[in-house]
Amino acid sequence: MSKPNFKIGIGYDLHRLEENRNLVIGGVKIPYEKGLLGHSDADVLVHAIIDSLLGAIALPDIGTLFPDTDEKYKGANSIELLKKVYKMVKEKGFSIVNLDSNIIAQAPKMMPYIPKMKEVLSSVLELEIENISIKAKTKEHLDSVGEKRAIEAQAVVMVYKS
């Protein structure tokens, strides 16, 4: 008798806030005076989700698969990278059970944008919205995130292979 095959992956990302950049989190453009600095669009939530998926299926991390030394990823839409990673998950025979994540930002407030983020992620990951959790946290004005110099994200995903 074969046993169900569940795997869990964890992901983390942090990017600095800079002027003259768009702020994109969870595939949603958020109006703010600064955006996240990175080789791609620097979507911290999507990057954390990508690493959680890659970890769950035991593949290298986002920086190895989509290196910032490769010009083809300069300004890349992180949702497009997530689609590539999700394809890898399916090719290995896995389905996503659920996604739990945190966006840690002192500003701007994330709560108004979370429903749209869930819609975007649900569509890309073929996952019901009720199986996607995105929580907004602050750092209580501590460290670079609390001082509004950066935003970070964490993600945990469970995948299943029958």
N, C-alpha and C. Protein backbone atom coordinates (compact mmCIF):
# COMPACT_ATOMS: atom_id res chain seq x y z
N MET A 1 0.84 -1.18 0.00
CA MET A 1 0.00 0.00 0.00
C MET A 1 0.89 1.25 0.00
N SER A 2 0.66 2.13 -0.96
CA SER A 2 1.49 3.34 -1.00
C SER A 2 0.93 4.40 -0.07
N LYS A 3 1.84 5.15 0.52
CA LYS A 3 1.46 6.21 1.45
C LYS A 3 1.34 7.53 0.69
N PRO A 4 0.46 8.41 1.15
CA PRO A 4 0.42 9.74 0.54
C PRO A 4 1.76 10.44 0.72
N ASN A 5 2.12 11.22 -0.25
CA ASN A 5 3.41 11.90 -0.25
C ASN A 5 3.19 13.40 -0.09
N PHE A 6 3.30 13.88 1.14
CA PHE A 6 3.19 15.31 1.44
C PHE A 6 4.58 15.88 1.66
N LYS A 7 4.81 17.07 1.16
CA LYS A 7 6.08 17.76 1.39
C LYS A 7 5.78 19.21 1.74
N ILE A 8 6.66 19.79 2.53
CA ILE A 8 6.50 21.18 2.94
C ILE A 8 7.74 21.95 2.54
N GLY A 9 7.54 23.18 2.09
CA GLY A 9 8.66 24.06 1.75
C GLY A 9 8.47 25.41 2.41
N ILE A 10 9.58 26.05 2.73
CA ILE A 10 9.54 27.37 3.34
C ILE A 10 10.34 28.34 2.47
N GLY A 11 9.85 29.58 2.39
CA GLY A 11 10.54 30.59 1.61
C GLY A 11 10.58 31.91 2.36
N TYR A 12 11.59 32.71 2.04
CA TYR A 12 11.79 34.01 2.67
C TYR A 12 12.41 34.95 1.65
N ASP A 13 12.04 36.22 1.73
CA ASP A 13 12.70 37.23 0.90
C ASP A 13 12.61 38.59 1.57
N LEU A 14 13.56 39.45 1.24
CA LEU A 14 13.60 40.81 1.74
C LEU A 14 14.19 41.69 0.64
N HIS A 15 13.57 42.83 0.41
CA HIS A 15 14.12 43.81 -0.54
C HIS A 15 14.05 45.20 0.06
N ARG A 16 15.02 46.01 -0.32
CA ARG A 16 15.10 47.39 0.13
C ARG A 16 14.09 48.25 -0.64
N LEU A 17 13.51 49.22 0.04
CA LEU A 17 12.63 50.20 -0.60
C LEU A 17 13.48 51.33 -1.18
N GLU A 18 13.17 51.72 -2.42
CA GLU A 18 13.91 52.78 -3.10
C GLU A 18 12.94 53.68 -3.87
N GLU A 19 13.33 54.91 -4.09
CA GLU A 19 12.54 55.83 -4.90
C GLU A 19 12.62 55.40 -6.37
N ASN A 20 11.66 55.86 -7.15
CA ASN A 20 11.62 55.60 -8.60
C ASN A 20 11.50 54.12 -8.96
N ARG A 21 10.81 53.37 -8.12
CA ARG A 21 10.51 51.96 -8.40
C ARG A 21 9.04 51.73 -8.13
N ASN A 22 8.43 50.83 -8.88
CA ASN A 22 7.05 50.43 -8.60
C ASN A 22 7.05 49.44 -7.44
N LEU A 23 6.01 49.51 -6.62
CA LEU A 23 5.85 48.56 -5.53
C LEU A 23 4.86 47.49 -5.99
N VAL A 24 5.37 46.29 -6.19
CA VAL A 24 4.56 45.15 -6.62
C VAL A 24 4.72 44.06 -5.57
N ILE A 25 3.60 43.66 -4.98
CA ILE A 25 3.62 42.59 -3.99
C ILE A 25 2.46 41.65 -4.27
N GLY A 26 2.76 40.36 -4.34
CA GLY A 26 1.72 39.38 -4.63
C GLY A 26 1.13 39.56 -6.01
N GLY A 27 1.92 40.13 -6.93
CA GLY A 27 1.45 40.36 -8.29
C GLY A 27 0.54 41.58 -8.42
N VAL A 28 0.45 42.38 -7.37
CA VAL A 28 -0.45 43.54 -7.35
C VAL A 28 0.39 44.81 -7.21
N LYS A 29 0.16 45.78 -8.08
CA LYS A 29 0.85 47.07 -7.99
C LYS A 29 0.16 47.90 -6.91
N ILE A 30 0.95 48.34 -5.94
CA ILE A 30 0.44 49.07 -4.79
C ILE A 30 0.94 50.50 -4.86
N PRO A 31 0.02 51.48 -4.80
CA PRO A 31 0.47 52.87 -4.83
C PRO A 31 1.28 53.22 -3.58
N TYR A 32 2.51 53.68 -3.79
CA TYR A 32 3.37 54.07 -2.68
C TYR A 32 4.50 54.90 -3.24
N GLU A 33 5.11 55.73 -2.39
CA GLU A 33 6.17 56.63 -2.87
C GLU A 33 7.47 55.92 -3.21
N LYS A 34 7.60 54.67 -2.80
CA LYS A 34 8.80 53.88 -3.08
C LYS A 34 8.41 52.51 -3.59
N GLY A 35 9.37 51.84 -4.19
CA GLY A 35 9.18 50.46 -4.62
C GLY A 35 10.35 49.62 -4.16
N LEU A 36 10.28 48.34 -4.40
CA LEU A 36 11.33 47.43 -3.96
C LEU A 36 12.43 47.33 -5.00
N LEU A 37 13.66 47.37 -4.52
CA LEU A 37 14.84 47.31 -5.38
C LEU A 37 15.23 45.86 -5.63
N GLY A 38 15.42 45.52 -6.89
CA GLY A 38 15.86 44.18 -7.24
C GLY A 38 16.11 44.07 -8.73
N HIS A 39 16.70 42.98 -9.14
CA HIS A 39 16.99 42.74 -10.55
C HIS A 39 15.69 42.56 -11.33
N SER A 40 14.71 41.91 -10.70
CA SER A 40 13.39 41.73 -11.31
C SER A 40 12.48 42.83 -10.77
N ASP A 41 11.18 42.58 -10.72
CA ASP A 41 10.27 43.55 -10.11
C ASP A 41 10.34 43.52 -8.58
N ALA A 42 11.14 42.60 -8.03
CA ALA A 42 11.43 42.50 -6.59
C ALA A 42 10.18 42.22 -5.74
N ASP A 43 9.26 41.44 -6.27
CA ASP A 43 8.03 41.09 -5.56
C ASP A 43 8.39 40.11 -4.43
N VAL A 44 8.55 40.64 -3.22
CA VAL A 44 9.02 39.81 -2.09
C VAL A 44 8.10 38.64 -1.79
N LEU A 45 6.81 38.85 -1.88
CA LEU A 45 5.88 37.76 -1.56
C LEU A 45 6.00 36.64 -2.59
N VAL A 46 5.99 36.98 -3.85
CA VAL A 46 6.10 35.96 -4.89
C VAL A 46 7.45 35.26 -4.80
N HIS A 47 8.51 35.99 -4.50
CA HIS A 47 9.83 35.35 -4.37
C HIS A 47 9.84 34.36 -3.21
N ALA A 48 9.22 34.71 -2.09
CA ALA A 48 9.15 33.79 -0.96
C ALA A 48 8.32 32.55 -1.33
N ILE A 49 7.24 32.76 -2.06
CA ILE A 49 6.40 31.62 -2.50
C ILE A 49 7.18 30.72 -3.45
N ILE A 50 7.91 31.33 -4.38
CA ILE A 50 8.73 30.55 -5.31
C ILE A 50 9.72 29.67 -4.53
N ASP A 51 10.43 30.27 -3.57
CA ASP A 51 11.39 29.48 -2.80
C ASP A 51 10.70 28.39 -1.97
N SER A 52 9.51 28.66 -1.46
CA SER A 52 8.81 27.61 -0.71
C SER A 52 8.44 26.44 -1.62
N LEU A 53 7.98 26.73 -2.82
CA LEU A 53 7.65 25.67 -3.78
C LEU A 53 8.89 24.89 -4.19
N LEU A 54 9.96 25.61 -4.48
CA LEU A 54 11.20 24.93 -4.88
C LEU A 54 11.73 24.06 -3.74
N GLY A 55 11.63 24.54 -2.52
CA GLY A 55 12.06 23.75 -1.37
C GLY A 55 11.23 22.50 -1.20
N ALA A 56 9.93 22.63 -1.40
CA ALA A 56 9.04 21.48 -1.22
C ALA A 56 9.35 20.36 -2.20
N ILE A 57 9.79 20.71 -3.40
CA ILE A 57 10.09 19.67 -4.39
C ILE A 57 11.59 19.45 -4.56
N ALA A 58 12.37 20.00 -3.63
CA ALA A 58 13.82 19.77 -3.54
C ALA A 58 14.58 20.24 -4.79
N LEU A 59 14.23 21.42 -5.27
CA LEU A 59 14.98 22.03 -6.36
C LEU A 59 15.76 23.22 -5.82
N PRO A 60 16.76 23.71 -6.57
CA PRO A 60 17.54 24.87 -6.10
C PRO A 60 16.67 26.11 -5.90
N ASP A 61 17.20 27.10 -5.20
CA ASP A 61 16.44 28.31 -4.88
C ASP A 61 16.28 29.25 -6.08
N ILE A 62 15.50 30.29 -5.87
CA ILE A 62 15.17 31.25 -6.92
C ILE A 62 16.42 31.90 -7.53
N GLY A 63 17.40 32.21 -6.68
CA GLY A 63 18.61 32.86 -7.17
C GLY A 63 19.45 31.96 -8.05
N THR A 64 19.34 30.66 -7.85
CA THR A 64 20.06 29.70 -8.70
C THR A 64 19.35 29.52 -10.03
N LEU A 65 18.02 29.41 -9.99
CA LEU A 65 17.26 29.19 -11.23
C LEU A 65 17.10 30.45 -12.08
N PHE A 66 16.98 31.61 -11.41
CA PHE A 66 16.78 32.88 -12.11
C PHE A 66 17.80 33.89 -11.60
N PRO A 67 19.09 33.70 -11.91
CA PRO A 67 20.14 34.52 -11.31
C PRO A 67 20.08 36.00 -11.72
N ASP A 68 20.46 36.87 -10.78
CA ASP A 68 20.45 38.30 -11.09
C ASP A 68 21.63 38.70 -11.97
N THR A 69 22.47 37.74 -12.32
CA THR A 69 23.55 37.99 -13.27
C THR A 69 23.11 37.74 -14.71
N ASP A 70 21.90 37.20 -14.87
CA ASP A 70 21.37 36.90 -16.20
C ASP A 70 20.46 38.05 -16.64
N GLU A 71 20.85 38.73 -17.70
CA GLU A 71 20.11 39.91 -18.18
C GLU A 71 18.69 39.59 -18.60
N LYS A 72 18.39 38.33 -18.96
CA LYS A 72 17.02 38.02 -19.39
C LYS A 72 16.02 38.13 -18.24
N TYR A 73 16.52 38.18 -16.99
CA TYR A 73 15.62 38.33 -15.84
C TYR A 73 15.58 39.77 -15.32
N LYS A 74 16.31 40.68 -15.97
CA LYS A 74 16.30 42.09 -15.54
C LYS A 74 14.90 42.66 -15.76
N GLY A 75 14.30 43.16 -14.70
CA GLY A 75 12.96 43.72 -14.77
C GLY A 75 11.87 42.67 -14.91
N ALA A 76 12.20 41.42 -14.69
CA ALA A 76 11.24 40.32 -14.90
C ALA A 76 10.01 40.47 -14.01
N ASN A 77 8.88 40.08 -14.55
CA ASN A 77 7.63 40.01 -13.80
C ASN A 77 7.69 38.73 -12.97
N SER A 78 7.67 38.87 -11.66
CA SER A 78 7.81 37.70 -10.78
C SER A 78 6.67 36.71 -10.94
N ILE A 79 5.51 37.17 -11.34
CA ILE A 79 4.39 36.24 -11.59
C ILE A 79 4.76 35.28 -12.72
N GLU A 80 5.46 35.78 -13.74
CA GLU A 80 5.90 34.91 -14.83
C GLU A 80 6.90 33.87 -14.33
N LEU A 81 7.76 34.26 -13.40
CA LEU A 81 8.70 33.31 -12.81
C LEU A 81 7.95 32.27 -11.98
N LEU A 82 6.93 32.72 -11.25
CA LEU A 82 6.10 31.80 -10.46
C LEU A 82 5.41 30.78 -11.37
N LYS A 83 4.94 31.22 -12.51
CA LYS A 83 4.30 30.29 -13.46
C LYS A 83 5.29 29.20 -13.89
N LYS A 84 6.55 29.58 -14.14
CA LYS A 84 7.57 28.60 -14.53
C LYS A 84 7.82 27.59 -13.41
N VAL A 85 7.88 28.10 -12.18
CA VAL A 85 8.13 27.22 -11.04
C VAL A 85 6.93 26.30 -10.81
N TYR A 86 5.73 26.85 -10.92
CA TYR A 86 4.54 26.01 -10.74
C TYR A 86 4.50 24.89 -11.79
N LYS A 87 4.94 25.19 -12.99
CA LYS A 87 5.02 24.16 -14.03
C LYS A 87 5.99 23.05 -13.60
N MET A 88 7.10 23.42 -12.96
CA MET A 88 8.05 22.42 -12.45
C MET A 88 7.39 21.55 -11.38
N VAL A 89 6.60 22.18 -10.51
CA VAL A 89 5.89 21.46 -9.45
C VAL A 89 4.98 20.41 -10.08
N LYS A 90 4.21 20.82 -11.09
CA LYS A 90 3.29 19.88 -11.76
C LYS A 90 4.04 18.79 -12.50
N GLU A 91 5.17 19.15 -13.14
CA GLU A 91 5.95 18.15 -13.87
C GLU A 91 6.50 17.07 -12.94
N LYS A 92 6.73 17.41 -11.69
CA LYS A 92 7.19 16.42 -10.70
C LYS A 92 6.01 15.65 -10.11
N GLY A 93 4.80 15.94 -10.57
CA GLY A 93 3.62 15.19 -10.14
C GLY A 93 2.95 15.69 -8.88
N PHE A 94 3.28 16.92 -8.47
CA PHE A 94 2.72 17.46 -7.23
C PHE A 94 1.60 18.46 -7.50
N SER A 95 0.72 18.56 -6.52
CA SER A 95 -0.33 19.59 -6.46
C SER A 95 -0.13 20.35 -5.17
N ILE A 96 -0.55 21.60 -5.15
CA ILE A 96 -0.43 22.41 -3.94
C ILE A 96 -1.65 22.16 -3.06
N VAL A 97 -1.40 21.91 -1.79
CA VAL A 97 -2.47 21.71 -0.81
C VAL A 97 -2.88 23.07 -0.26
N ASN A 98 -1.91 23.83 0.24
CA ASN A 98 -2.20 25.15 0.78
C ASN A 98 -0.94 26.00 0.82
N LEU A 99 -1.17 27.31 0.95
CA LEU A 99 -0.11 28.30 1.03
C LEU A 99 -0.41 29.20 2.21
N ASP A 100 0.57 29.40 3.07
CA ASP A 100 0.46 30.33 4.19
C ASP A 100 1.61 31.30 4.08
N SER A 101 1.33 32.59 4.22
CA SER A 101 2.39 33.59 4.02
C SER A 101 2.20 34.81 4.90
N ASN A 102 3.30 35.54 5.07
CA ASN A 102 3.33 36.80 5.80
C ASN A 102 4.02 37.85 4.95
N ILE A 103 3.45 39.03 4.90
CA ILE A 103 4.13 40.20 4.35
C ILE A 103 4.45 41.07 5.55
N ILE A 104 5.72 41.41 5.72
CA ILE A 104 6.12 42.21 6.86
C ILE A 104 6.56 43.57 6.33
N ALA A 105 5.74 44.60 6.65
CA ALA A 105 5.99 45.96 6.16
C ALA A 105 5.44 46.96 7.16
N GLN A 106 6.22 47.96 7.47
CA GLN A 106 5.71 49.03 8.33
C GLN A 106 4.74 49.91 7.54
N ALA A 107 5.08 50.11 6.26
CA ALA A 107 4.23 50.89 5.35
C ALA A 107 4.55 50.44 3.94
N PRO A 108 3.61 50.52 3.05
CA PRO A 108 2.21 50.92 3.25
C PRO A 108 1.41 49.78 3.88
N LYS A 109 0.19 50.07 4.23
CA LYS A 109 -0.70 49.04 4.78
C LYS A 109 -1.05 48.05 3.67
N MET A 110 -0.95 46.78 3.96
CA MET A 110 -1.16 45.73 2.95
C MET A 110 -2.60 45.22 2.90
N MET A 111 -3.32 45.32 4.00
CA MET A 111 -4.65 44.69 4.09
C MET A 111 -5.57 45.01 2.91
N PRO A 112 -5.64 46.24 2.41
CA PRO A 112 -6.56 46.52 1.31
C PRO A 112 -6.23 45.75 0.02
N TYR A 113 -5.00 45.29 -0.12
CA TYR A 113 -4.56 44.64 -1.36
C TYR A 113 -4.54 43.12 -1.28
N ILE A 114 -4.71 42.58 -0.09
CA ILE A 114 -4.62 41.12 0.08
C ILE A 114 -5.68 40.36 -0.71
N PRO A 115 -6.94 40.80 -0.76
CA PRO A 115 -7.91 40.04 -1.57
C PRO A 115 -7.49 39.91 -3.04
N LYS A 116 -6.95 40.98 -3.63
CA LYS A 116 -6.50 40.92 -5.03
C LYS A 116 -5.28 40.01 -5.15
N MET A 117 -4.36 40.07 -4.18
CA MET A 117 -3.20 39.17 -4.20
C MET A 117 -3.65 37.72 -4.21
N LYS A 118 -4.65 37.41 -3.37
CA LYS A 118 -5.16 36.04 -3.32
C LYS A 118 -5.76 35.62 -4.66
N GLU A 119 -6.47 36.54 -5.31
CA GLU A 119 -7.04 36.24 -6.64
C GLU A 119 -5.94 35.92 -7.64
N VAL A 120 -4.91 36.75 -7.66
CA VAL A 120 -3.79 36.55 -8.60
C VAL A 120 -3.13 35.20 -8.33
N LEU A 121 -2.80 34.93 -7.09
CA LEU A 121 -2.11 33.68 -6.74
C LEU A 121 -2.99 32.47 -6.97
N SER A 122 -4.27 32.59 -6.69
CA SER A 122 -5.21 31.50 -6.93
C SER A 122 -5.22 31.12 -8.41
N SER A 123 -5.23 32.11 -9.25
CA SER A 123 -5.26 31.88 -10.70
C SER A 123 -3.97 31.20 -11.18
N VAL A 124 -2.84 31.71 -10.74
CA VAL A 124 -1.55 31.17 -11.19
C VAL A 124 -1.30 29.77 -10.66
N LEU A 125 -1.65 29.54 -9.40
CA LEU A 125 -1.32 28.27 -8.74
C LEU A 125 -2.45 27.25 -8.78
N GLU A 126 -3.55 27.58 -9.47
CA GLU A 126 -4.69 26.68 -9.55
C GLU A 126 -5.09 26.19 -8.16
N LEU A 127 -5.20 27.14 -7.24
CA LEU A 127 -5.46 26.85 -5.84
C LEU A 127 -6.66 27.67 -5.39
N GLU A 128 -7.57 27.05 -4.68
CA GLU A 128 -8.75 27.76 -4.20
C GLU A 128 -8.32 28.85 -3.22
N ILE A 129 -9.01 29.99 -3.29
CA ILE A 129 -8.68 31.12 -2.42
C ILE A 129 -8.72 30.73 -0.95
N GLU A 130 -9.64 29.85 -0.57
CA GLU A 130 -9.71 29.46 0.84
C GLU A 130 -8.49 28.66 1.30
N ASN A 131 -7.63 28.25 0.37
CA ASN A 131 -6.40 27.54 0.72
C ASN A 131 -5.17 28.45 0.62
N ILE A 132 -5.41 29.75 0.53
CA ILE A 132 -4.33 30.74 0.48
C ILE A 132 -4.49 31.69 1.65
N SER A 133 -3.46 31.78 2.46
CA SER A 133 -3.44 32.72 3.58
C SER A 133 -2.33 33.73 3.36
N ILE A 134 -2.68 35.01 3.41
CA ILE A 134 -1.70 36.09 3.35
C ILE A 134 -2.00 37.00 4.54
N LYS A 135 -1.02 37.11 5.42
CA LYS A 135 -1.19 37.95 6.60
C LYS A 135 -0.27 39.16 6.49
N ALA A 136 -0.71 40.30 7.01
CA ALA A 136 0.10 41.51 7.01
C ALA A 136 0.60 41.77 8.43
N LYS A 137 1.88 42.00 8.55
CA LYS A 137 2.51 42.25 9.85
C LYS A 137 3.38 43.50 9.75
N THR A 138 3.68 44.09 10.91
CA THR A 138 4.66 45.18 10.96
C THR A 138 5.81 44.73 11.84
N LYS A 139 6.83 45.55 11.93
CA LYS A 139 7.96 45.28 12.81
C LYS A 139 7.98 46.24 14.00
N GLU A 140 6.84 46.87 14.26
CA GLU A 140 6.72 47.77 15.42
C GLU A 140 7.85 48.80 15.45
N HIS A 141 8.18 49.32 14.25
CA HIS A 141 9.20 50.36 14.08
C HIS A 141 10.61 49.90 14.43
N LEU A 142 10.86 48.60 14.42
CA LEU A 142 12.19 48.06 14.70
C LEU A 142 12.85 47.61 13.40
N ASP A 143 14.13 47.63 13.33
CA ASP A 143 15.00 47.21 12.22
C ASP A 143 14.68 47.91 10.90
N SER A 144 15.28 47.45 9.81
CA SER A 144 15.11 48.13 8.52
C SER A 144 13.67 48.11 8.02
N VAL A 145 12.95 47.05 8.30
CA VAL A 145 11.53 46.99 7.89
C VAL A 145 10.72 47.99 8.71
N GLY A 146 10.92 48.00 10.01
CA GLY A 146 10.21 48.92 10.89
C GLY A 146 10.54 50.38 10.63
N GLU A 147 11.72 50.62 10.08
CA GLU A 147 12.13 51.98 9.73
C GLU A 147 11.73 52.36 8.31
N LYS A 148 10.90 51.53 7.67
CA LYS A 148 10.37 51.76 6.32
C LYS A 148 11.47 51.81 5.26
N ARG A 149 12.53 51.03 5.48
CA ARG A 149 13.61 50.95 4.49
C ARG A 149 13.56 49.66 3.69
N ALA A 150 12.70 48.70 4.10
CA ALA A 150 12.63 47.40 3.43
C ALA A 150 11.27 46.76 3.70
N ILE A 151 10.99 45.73 2.92
CA ILE A 151 9.80 44.89 3.12
C ILE A 151 10.26 43.45 2.99
N GLU A 152 9.71 42.59 3.83
CA GLU A 152 10.07 41.18 3.76
C GLU A 152 8.82 40.31 3.67
N ALA A 153 9.02 39.07 3.29
CA ALA A 153 7.90 38.13 3.20
C ALA A 153 8.39 36.73 3.55
N GLN A 154 7.45 35.94 4.07
CA GLN A 154 7.70 34.54 4.41
C GLN A 154 6.58 33.72 3.80
N ALA A 155 6.88 32.51 3.39
CA ALA A 155 5.85 31.62 2.85
C ALA A 155 6.15 30.18 3.20
N VAL A 156 5.08 29.45 3.47
CA VAL A 156 5.16 28.01 3.71
C VAL A 156 4.11 27.38 2.80
N VAL A 157 4.51 26.33 2.10
CA VAL A 157 3.57 25.65 1.20
C VAL A 157 3.62 24.15 1.48
N MET A 158 2.46 23.51 1.33
CA MET A 158 2.40 22.06 1.39
C MET A 158 1.99 21.56 0.02
N VAL A 159 2.73 20.57 -0.47
CA VAL A 159 2.37 19.95 -1.75
C VAL A 159 2.09 18.47 -1.51
N TYR A 160 1.37 17.89 -2.47
CA TYR A 160 0.92 16.52 -2.32
C TYR A 160 1.12 15.78 -3.65
N LYS A 161 1.60 14.54 -3.52
CA LYS A 161 1.74 13.66 -4.68
C LYS A 161 1.11 12.33 -4.32
N SER A 162 0.10 11.92 -5.06
CA SER A 162 -0.58 10.66 -4.72
C SER A 162 0.20 9.46 -5.23
